Amino acid sequence: MKVRLFEIFTSVEGEGILYGTKTLFVRLAGCPFTCFYCDTKESLPLDSGDEYSIDDAIQLIDSNLQNQTYKVNFTGGDPLIQHQAVAQLAKHIQMKKIPTYLESSCFDVDRFNHVLPFIDIVKIEFKTQDSDFVDSEHYNKLISHTMKCLESSVNSKKTTFIKIVVSSKTQPTEFKKLITNIFEIISKDNIDGFVIQPTYGVSEPSLDLLLNLYDIVFPYYIDVKVVPQLHKFIGAP
């Protein structure tokens, strides 16, 4: 088995419920989507990065793993593009007693379920239709997969949180519809966090819009937080 890695680096986690933690990022190559706010567009092509055997990739990860690392974050691109390789790499990290973290749009429940046993912390990222994620014809199908991934993660008792990136294009009515659908399949007690993440440097949302979106989530989940990409403010990758 081979794996294409775009980069491996240690930095401060700048997103989600574990922001501020020292993290080894394993960025895998390849993503089929076209979100307009993507800040890692260079990793999207399936032939980006370098190809390694699984054994060589494990050695590379081990050589970059620093002391006091809180977790290992499998990101992309989208790691589910190379789900079989991610499962092997995450299994190796778990043997070291270091938490594994999956950062994905969760576009395929079968791939997700293959990886899930080897992941400790799951960020389920729901895309709004205005993100240019996919065309409207395929949007509902892919969101249904994300919903199923959320159910799988919750049922497997993983540390699970939801993230939604929002921009000035985000329509509160569409956002509310998505939130309603999410909390029809889970309860507030099923998840460990809910993060609204504003875009950075492109179509940034106003404070009024962020407060509006916050108010939509609050009745379902009172611990909802608006968290920007904090690593951007300290110049971290």
C-alpha atoms as a PDB file:
ATOM      1  CA  MET A   1       0.000   0.000   0.000  1.00  0.00           C
ATOM      2  CA  LYS A   2       1.158   3.530  -0.840  1.00  0.00           C
ATOM      3  CA  VAL A   3       0.195   6.903   0.575  1.00  0.00           C
ATOM      4  CA  ARG A   4       0.627  10.426  -0.771  1.00  0.00           C
ATOM      5  CA  LEU A   5       1.583  12.927   1.911  1.00  0.00           C
ATOM      6  CA  PHE A   6       1.660  16.636   1.199  1.00  0.00           C
ATOM      7  CA  GLU A   7       3.421  17.680   4.400  1.00  0.00           C
ATOM      8  CA  ILE A   8       4.073  16.756   8.023  1.00  0.00           C
ATOM      9  CA  PHE A   9       4.715  19.441  10.619  1.00  0.00           C
ATOM     10  CA  THR A  10       4.260  20.330  14.275  1.00  0.00           C
ATOM     11  CA  SER A  11       2.306  23.448  15.153  1.00  0.00           C
ATOM     12  CA  VAL A  12      -0.309  24.858  17.502  1.00  0.00           C
ATOM     13  CA  GLU A  13      -3.828  23.667  16.785  1.00  0.00           C
ATOM     14  CA  GLY A  14      -5.758  26.743  15.719  1.00  0.00           C
ATOM     15  CA  GLU A  15      -9.240  25.353  15.136  1.00  0.00           C
ATOM     16  CA  GLY A  16     -12.027  23.540  16.915  1.00  0.00           C
ATOM     17  CA  ILE A  17     -12.422  22.581  20.554  1.00  0.00           C
ATOM     18  CA  LEU A  18      -8.742  21.656  21.060  1.00  0.00           C
ATOM     19  CA  TYR A  19      -7.219  24.933  19.853  1.00  0.00           C
ATOM     20  CA  GLY A  20      -3.924  25.777  21.518  1.00  0.00           C
ATOM     21  CA  THR A  21      -2.664  22.192  21.777  1.00  0.00           C
ATOM     22  CA  LYS A  22       0.691  21.090  20.385  1.00  0.00           C
ATOM     23  CA  THR A  23      -0.155  18.931  17.390  1.00  0.00           C
ATOM     24  CA  LEU A  24       1.593  16.898  14.717  1.00  0.00           C
ATOM     25  CA  PHE A  25      -0.266  17.529  11.460  1.00  0.00           C
ATOM     26  CA  VAL A  26      -0.198  14.805   8.828  1.00  0.00           C
ATOM     27  CA  ARG A  27      -1.574  16.449   5.692  1.00  0.00           C
ATOM     28  CA  LEU A  28      -2.625  13.947   3.056  1.00  0.00           C
ATOM     29  CA  ALA A  29      -2.858  14.838  -0.616  1.00  0.00           C
ATOM     30  CA  GLY A  30      -6.125  14.905  -2.490  1.00  0.00           C
ATOM     31  CA  CYS A  31      -9.579  16.414  -2.167  1.00  0.00           C
ATOM     32  CA  PRO A  32     -12.430  16.263  -4.706  1.00  0.00           C
ATOM     33  CA  PHE A  33     -14.137  19.444  -3.543  1.00  0.00           C
ATOM     34  CA  THR A  34     -13.890  23.134  -4.373  1.00  0.00           C
ATOM     35  CA  CYS A  35     -14.726  25.172  -1.266  1.00  0.00           C
ATOM     36  CA  PHE A  36     -14.003  28.800  -2.184  1.00  0.00           C
ATOM     37  CA  TYR A  37     -12.387  29.549   1.192  1.00  0.00           C
ATOM     38  CA  CYS A  38      -9.959  26.598   1.166  1.00  0.00           C
ATOM     39  CA  ASP A  39      -6.561  27.694   2.501  1.00  0.00           C
ATOM     40  CA  THR A  40      -4.658  24.575   1.411  1.00  0.00           C
ATOM     41  CA  LYS A  41      -5.487  24.534  -2.289  1.00  0.00           C
ATOM     42  CA  GLU A  42      -1.986  23.287  -3.135  1.00  0.00           C
ATOM     43  CA  SER A  43      -2.791  19.965  -1.414  1.00  0.00           C
ATOM     44  CA  LEU A  44      -6.025  19.346  -3.345  1.00  0.00           C
ATOM     45  CA  PRO A  45      -4.622  17.587  -6.456  1.00  0.00           C
ATOM     46  CA  LEU A  46      -4.441  13.819  -6.070  1.00  0.00           C
ATOM     47  CA  ASP A  47      -0.887  13.869  -7.403  1.00  0.00           C
ATOM     48  CA  SER A  48       0.373  16.599  -5.052  1.00  0.00           C
ATOM     49  CA  GLY A  49       2.940  15.848  -2.390  1.00  0.00           C
ATOM     50  CA  ASP A  50       5.132  12.745  -2.386  1.00  0.00           C
ATOM     51  CA  GLU A  51       4.338   9.055  -2.442  1.00  0.00           C
ATOM     52  CA  TYR A  52       5.564   6.734   0.317  1.00  0.00           C
ATOM     53  CA  SER A  53       5.133   3.147   1.342  1.00  0.00           C
ATOM     54  CA  ILE A  54       3.210   2.808   4.606  1.00  0.00           C
ATOM     55  CA  ASP A  55       6.410   1.747   6.405  1.00  0.00           C
ATOM     56  CA  ASP A  56       8.299   4.781   5.092  1.00  0.00           C
ATOM     57  CA  ALA A  57       5.401   7.076   6.017  1.00  0.00           C
ATOM     58  CA  ILE A  58       5.395   5.668   9.547  1.00  0.00           C
ATOM     59  CA  GLN A  59       9.124   6.317   9.843  1.00  0.00           C
ATOM     60  CA  LEU A  60       8.598   9.862   8.586  1.00  0.00           C
ATOM     61  CA  ILE A  61       5.846  10.472  11.129  1.00  0.00           C
ATOM     62  CA  ASP A  62       7.943   9.033  13.956  1.00  0.00           C
ATOM     63  CA  SER A  63      10.923  11.190  13.020  1.00  0.00           C
ATOM     64  CA  ASN A  64       8.748  14.325  13.147  1.00  0.00           C
ATOM     65  CA  LEU A  65       6.938  13.451  16.362  1.00  0.00           C
ATOM     66  CA  GLN A  66       8.115  15.804  19.107  1.00  0.00           C
ATOM     67  CA  ASN A  67       7.968  15.300  22.854  1.00  0.00           C
ATOM     68  CA  GLN A  68       4.842  16.582  24.617  1.00  0.00           C
ATOM     69  CA  THR A  69       2.725  16.334  21.448  1.00  0.00           C
ATOM     70  CA  TYR A  70      -0.920  16.292  22.504  1.00  0.00           C
ATOM     71  CA  LYS A  71      -2.393  14.667  19.399  1.00  0.00           C
ATOM     72  CA  VAL A  72      -1.794  13.687  15.782  1.00  0.00           C
ATOM     73  CA  ASN A  73      -4.146  15.367  13.328  1.00  0.00           C
ATOM     74  CA  PHE A  74      -4.900  13.650  10.007  1.00  0.00           C
ATOM     75  CA  THR A  75      -5.959  16.410   7.656  1.00  0.00           C
ATOM     76  CA  GLY A  76      -5.811  17.314   3.984  1.00  0.00           C
ATOM     77  CA  GLY A  77      -7.009  17.745   1.353  1.00  0.00           C
ATOM     78  CA  ASP A  78      -9.447  15.283   2.781  1.00  0.00           C
ATOM     79  CA  PRO A  79      -7.967  12.205   4.489  1.00  0.00           C
ATOM     80  CA  LEU A  80     -10.883   9.988   3.479  1.00  0.00           C
ATOM     81  CA  ILE A  81      -9.555  10.070  -0.084  1.00  0.00           C
ATOM     82  CA  GLN A  82      -6.818   7.726   1.223  1.00  0.00           C
ATOM     83  CA  HIS A  83      -8.848   6.053   3.948  1.00  0.00           C
ATOM     84  CA  GLN A  84      -7.036   2.716   3.957  1.00  0.00           C
ATOM     85  CA  ALA A  85      -3.669   4.382   4.435  1.00  0.00           C
ATOM     86  CA  VAL A  86      -5.055   6.680   7.159  1.00  0.00           C
ATOM     87  CA  ALA A  87      -6.333   3.651   9.061  1.00  0.00           C
ATOM     88  CA  GLN A  88      -2.844   2.076   9.016  1.00  0.00           C
ATOM     89  CA  LEU A  89      -1.089   5.281  10.071  1.00  0.00           C
ATOM     90  CA  ALA A  90      -3.620   6.084  12.803  1.00  0.00           C
ATOM     91  CA  LYS A  91      -3.386   2.537  14.175  1.00  0.00           C
ATOM     92  CA  HIS A  92       0.371   3.035  14.549  1.00  0.00           C
ATOM     93  CA  ILE A  93      -0.137   6.315  16.423  1.00  0.00           C
ATOM     94  CA  GLN A  94      -2.690   4.758  18.769  1.00  0.00           C
ATOM     95  CA  MET A  95      -0.108   2.139  19.743  1.00  0.00           C
ATOM     96  CA  LYS A  96       2.030   5.028  20.997  1.00  0.00           C
ATOM     97  CA  LYS A  97      -0.844   6.102  23.290  1.00  0.00           C
ATOM     98  CA  ILE A  98      -1.183   9.447  21.494  1.00  0.00           C
ATOM     99  CA  PRO A  99      -4.711  10.583  20.594  1.00  0.00           C
ATOM    100  CA  THR A 100      -5.586  10.503  16.895  1.00  0.00           C
ATOM    101  CA  TYR A 101      -7.728  13.226  15.349  1.00  0.00           C
ATOM    102  CA  LEU A 102      -9.602  13.159  12.039  1.00  0.00           C
ATOM    103  CA  GLU A 103     -10.351  16.382  10.206  1.00  0.00           C
ATOM    104  CA  SER A 104     -12.712  15.657   7.321  1.00  0.00           C
ATOM    105  CA  SER A 105     -15.858  16.741   5.519  1.00  0.00           C
ATOM    106  CA  CYS A 106     -16.985  13.128   6.052  1.00  0.00           C
ATOM    107  CA  PHE A 107     -18.260  12.728   2.518  1.00  0.00           C
ATOM    108  CA  ASP A 108     -18.376   8.910   2.479  1.00  0.00           C
ATOM    109  CA  VAL A 109     -19.726   6.904   5.403  1.00  0.00           C
ATOM    110  CA  ASP A 110     -18.143   3.613   4.301  1.00  0.00           C
ATOM    111  CA  ARG A 111     -14.669   5.150   4.147  1.00  0.00           C
ATOM    112  CA  PHE A 112     -15.344   6.924   7.425  1.00  0.00           C
ATOM    113  CA  ASN A 113     -16.370   3.700   9.183  1.00  0.00           C
ATOM    114  CA  HIS A 114     -13.199   2.006   7.930  1.00  0.00           C
ATOM    115  CA  VAL A 115     -11.046   4.670   9.603  1.00  0.00           C
ATOM    116  CA  LEU A 116     -13.164   5.249  12.724  1.00  0.00           C
ATOM    117  CA  PRO A 117     -11.830   2.423  14.942  1.00  0.00           C
ATOM    118  CA  PHE A 118      -8.377   4.036  14.806  1.00  0.00           C
ATOM    119  CA  ILE A 119      -9.529   7.608  15.522  1.00  0.00           C
ATOM    120  CA  ASP A 120     -10.089   9.049  18.995  1.00  0.00           C
ATOM    121  CA  ILE A 121     -11.287  12.585  18.206  1.00  0.00           C
ATOM    122  CA  VAL A 122     -13.532  13.369  15.249  1.00  0.00           C
ATOM    123  CA  LYS A 123     -14.302  16.754  13.785  1.00  0.00           C
ATOM    124  CA  ILE A 124     -17.425  16.427  11.659  1.00  0.00           C
ATOM    125  CA  GLU A 125     -17.379  19.330   9.219  1.00  0.00           C
ATOM    126  CA  PHE A 126     -20.705  20.242   7.693  1.00  0.00           C
ATOM    127  CA  LYS A 127     -20.574  22.402   4.584  1.00  0.00           C
ATOM    128  CA  THR A 128     -23.158  25.024   3.787  1.00  0.00           C
ATOM    129  CA  GLN A 129     -24.479  25.024   0.243  1.00  0.00           C
ATOM    130  CA  ASP A 130     -22.922  28.442  -0.445  1.00  0.00           C
ATOM    131  CA  SER A 131     -19.396  27.130   0.233  1.00  0.00           C
ATOM    132  CA  ASP A 132     -19.089  25.923  -3.389  1.00  0.00           C
ATOM    133  CA  PHE A 133     -18.493  22.479  -1.884  1.00  0.00           C
ATOM    134  CA  VAL A 134     -20.231  20.728  -4.767  1.00  0.00           C
ATOM    135  CA  ASP A 135     -23.025  21.602  -7.163  1.00  0.00           C
ATOM    136  CA  SER A 136     -26.561  21.734  -5.829  1.00  0.00           C
ATOM    137  CA  GLU A 137     -27.443  18.441  -7.507  1.00  0.00           C
ATOM    138  CA  HIS A 138     -24.991  16.501  -5.341  1.00  0.00           C
ATOM    139  CA  TYR A 139     -25.095  18.596  -2.174  1.00  0.00           C
ATOM    140  CA  ASN A 140     -27.935  16.787  -0.397  1.00  0.00           C
ATOM    141  CA  LYS A 141     -26.432  13.363  -1.109  1.00  0.00           C
ATOM    142  CA  LEU A 142     -23.071  14.338   0.352  1.00  0.00           C
ATOM    143  CA  ILE A 143     -24.632  16.005   3.393  1.00  0.00           C
ATOM    144  CA  SER A 144     -26.572  12.807   4.045  1.00  0.00           C
ATOM    145  CA  HIS A 145     -23.238  10.975   4.219  1.00  0.00           C
ATOM    146  CA  THR A 146     -21.959  13.566   6.699  1.00  0.00           C
ATOM    147  CA  MET A 147     -25.058  12.991   8.832  1.00  0.00           C
ATOM    148  CA  LYS A 148     -24.424   9.234   8.801  1.00  0.00           C
ATOM    149  CA  CYS A 149     -20.796   9.795   9.770  1.00  0.00           C
ATOM    150  CA  LEU A 150     -21.964  11.918  12.694  1.00  0.00           C
ATOM    151  CA  GLU A 151     -24.232   9.100  13.840  1.00  0.00           C
ATOM    152  CA  SER A 152     -21.408   6.552  13.518  1.00  0.00           C
ATOM    153  CA  SER A 153     -19.001   8.686  15.527  1.00  0.00           C
ATOM    154  CA  VAL A 154     -21.543   9.305  18.279  1.00  0.00           C
ATOM    155  CA  ASN A 155     -22.596   5.647  18.428  1.00  0.00           C
ATOM    156  CA  SER A 156     -18.924   4.633  18.685  1.00  0.00           C
ATOM    157  CA  LYS A 157     -18.500   6.918  21.704  1.00  0.00           C
ATOM    158  CA  LYS A 158     -15.760   8.953  20.046  1.00  0.00           C
ATOM    159  CA  THR A 159     -14.987  12.486  21.155  1.00  0.00           C
ATOM    160  CA  THR A 160     -17.092  14.200  18.507  1.00  0.00           C
ATOM    161  CA  PHE A 161     -17.600  17.821  17.646  1.00  0.00           C
ATOM    162  CA  ILE A 162     -19.185  19.696  14.776  1.00  0.00           C
ATOM    163  CA  LYS A 163     -17.644  22.531  12.803  1.00  0.00           C
ATOM    164  CA  ILE A 164     -19.299  24.727  10.197  1.00  0.00           C
ATOM    165  CA  VAL A 165     -17.340  27.334   8.251  1.00  0.00           C
ATOM    166  CA  VAL A 166     -19.425  30.428   7.558  1.00  0.00           C
ATOM    167  CA  SER A 167     -18.867  33.465   5.362  1.00  0.00           C
ATOM    168  CA  SER A 168     -20.642  36.613   4.248  1.00  0.00           C
ATOM    169  CA  LYS A 169     -22.416  34.359   1.727  1.00  0.00           C
ATOM    170  CA  THR A 170     -24.008  32.192   4.424  1.00  0.00           C
ATOM    171  CA  GLN A 171     -27.778  32.477   4.417  1.00  0.00           C
ATOM    172  CA  PRO A 172     -29.345  32.201   7.907  1.00  0.00           C
ATOM    173  CA  THR A 173     -32.395  30.381   6.529  1.00  0.00           C
ATOM    174  CA  GLU A 174     -30.251  27.667   4.913  1.00  0.00           C
ATOM    175  CA  PHE A 175     -28.021  27.520   7.996  1.00  0.00           C
ATOM    176  CA  LYS A 176     -31.054  27.033  10.242  1.00  0.00           C
ATOM    177  CA  LYS A 177     -32.335  24.240   8.026  1.00  0.00           C
ATOM    178  CA  LEU A 178     -28.980  22.452   8.337  1.00  0.00           C
ATOM    179  CA  ILE A 179     -28.898  22.896  12.129  1.00  0.00           C
ATOM    180  CA  THR A 180     -32.445  21.563  12.455  1.00  0.00           C
ATOM    181  CA  ASN A 181     -31.536  18.485  10.435  1.00  0.00           C
ATOM    182  CA  ILE A 182     -28.437  17.842  12.542  1.00  0.00           C
ATOM    183  CA  PHE A 183     -30.295  17.942  15.847  1.00  0.00           C
ATOM    184  CA  GLU A 184     -33.060  15.739  14.513  1.00  0.00           C
ATOM    185  CA  ILE A 185     -30.588  12.828  14.530  1.00  0.00           C
ATOM    186  CA  ILE A 186     -28.535  13.668  17.638  1.00  0.00           C
ATOM    187  CA  SER A 187     -29.088  15.406  20.950  1.00  0.00           C
ATOM    188  CA  LYS A 188     -26.942  18.031  22.645  1.00  0.00           C
ATOM    189  CA  ASP A 189     -25.623  15.327  24.963  1.00  0.00           C
ATOM    190  CA  ASN A 190     -24.171  13.345  22.056  1.00  0.00           C
ATOM    191  CA  ILE A 191     -21.471  15.826  21.056  1.00  0.00           C
ATOM    192  CA  ASP A 192     -18.493  17.446  22.748  1.00  0.00           C
ATOM    193  CA  GLY A 193     -18.609  20.805  21.003  1.00  0.00           C
ATOM    194  CA  PHE A 194     -20.080  22.910  18.234  1.00  0.00           C
ATOM    195  CA  VAL A 195     -17.876  25.457  16.471  1.00  0.00           C
ATOM    196  CA  ILE A 196     -18.883  28.182  14.039  1.00  0.00           C
ATOM    197  CA  GLN A 197     -15.704  29.146  12.161  1.00  0.00           C
ATOM    198  CA  PRO A 198     -15.690  32.410  10.184  1.00  0.00           C
ATOM    199  CA  THR A 199     -13.723  32.523   6.956  1.00  0.00           C
ATOM    200  CA  TYR A 200     -10.413  34.377   7.063  1.00  0.00           C
ATOM    201  CA  GLY A 201      -9.263  36.774   4.368  1.00  0.00           C
ATOM    202  CA  VAL A 202     -12.097  36.035   1.957  1.00  0.00           C
ATOM    203  CA  SER A 203     -15.812  36.882   2.240  1.00  0.00           C
ATOM    204  CA  GLU A 204     -15.447  37.386   5.986  1.00  0.00           C
ATOM    205  CA  PRO A 205     -18.808  37.481   7.787  1.00  0.00           C
ATOM    206  CA  SER A 206     -19.921  40.487   9.806  1.00  0.00           C
ATOM    207  CA  LEU A 207     -20.281  40.345  13.574  1.00  0.00           C
ATOM    208  CA  ASP A 208     -24.037  40.758  13.189  1.00  0.00           C
ATOM    209  CA  LEU A 209     -24.200  37.689  10.936  1.00  0.00           C
ATOM    210  CA  LEU A 210     -22.046  35.646  13.325  1.00  0.00           C
ATOM    211  CA  LEU A 211     -24.300  36.565  16.234  1.00  0.00           C
ATOM    212  CA  ASN A 212     -27.346  35.644  14.156  1.00  0.00           C
ATOM    213  CA  LEU A 213     -25.885  32.218  13.345  1.00  0.00           C
ATOM    214  CA  TYR A 214     -24.840  31.743  16.976  1.00  0.00           C
ATOM    215  CA  ASP A 215     -28.418  32.445  18.053  1.00  0.00           C
ATOM    216  CA  ILE A 216     -29.681  29.788  15.639  1.00  0.00           C
ATOM    217  CA  VAL A 217     -27.501  27.084  17.222  1.00  0.00           C
ATOM    218  CA  PHE A 218     -27.862  28.200  20.861  1.00  0.00           C
ATOM    219  CA  PRO A 219     -31.363  26.745  21.495  1.00  0.00           C
ATOM    220  CA  TYR A 220     -30.025  23.343  20.462  1.00  0.00           C
ATOM    221  CA  TYR A 221     -26.539  23.565  22.000  1.00  0.00           C
ATOM    222  CA  ILE A 222     -25.798  26.281  24.549  1.00  0.00           C
ATOM    223  CA  ASP A 223     -22.028  25.738  24.454  1.00  0.00           C
ATOM    224  CA  VAL A 224     -21.747  26.738  20.782  1.00  0.00           C
ATOM    225  CA  LYS A 225     -18.656  28.867  20.154  1.00  0.00           C
ATOM    226  CA  VAL A 226     -17.477  31.176  17.387  1.00  0.00           C
ATOM    227  CA  VAL A 227     -13.793  30.294  16.939  1.00  0.00           C
ATOM    228  CA  PRO A 228     -11.698  31.807  14.134  1.00  0.00           C
ATOM    229  CA  GLN A 229      -8.551  30.158  12.799  1.00  0.00           C
ATOM    230  CA  LEU A 230      -6.391  31.243  15.722  1.00  0.00           C
ATOM    231  CA  HIS A 231      -3.134  29.973  14.227  1.00  0.00           C
ATOM    232  CA  LYS A 232      -3.437  32.652  11.557  1.00  0.00           C
ATOM    233  CA  PHE A 233      -2.998  35.337  14.208  1.00  0.00           C
ATOM    234  CA  ILE A 234       0.331  33.950  15.426  1.00  0.00           C
ATOM    235  CA  GLY A 235       1.686  33.196  11.972  1.00  0.00           C
ATOM    236  CA  ALA A 236       1.620  29.423  12.490  1.00  0.00           C
ATOM    237  CA  PRO A 237       1.035  27.022   9.581  1.00  0.00           C
END
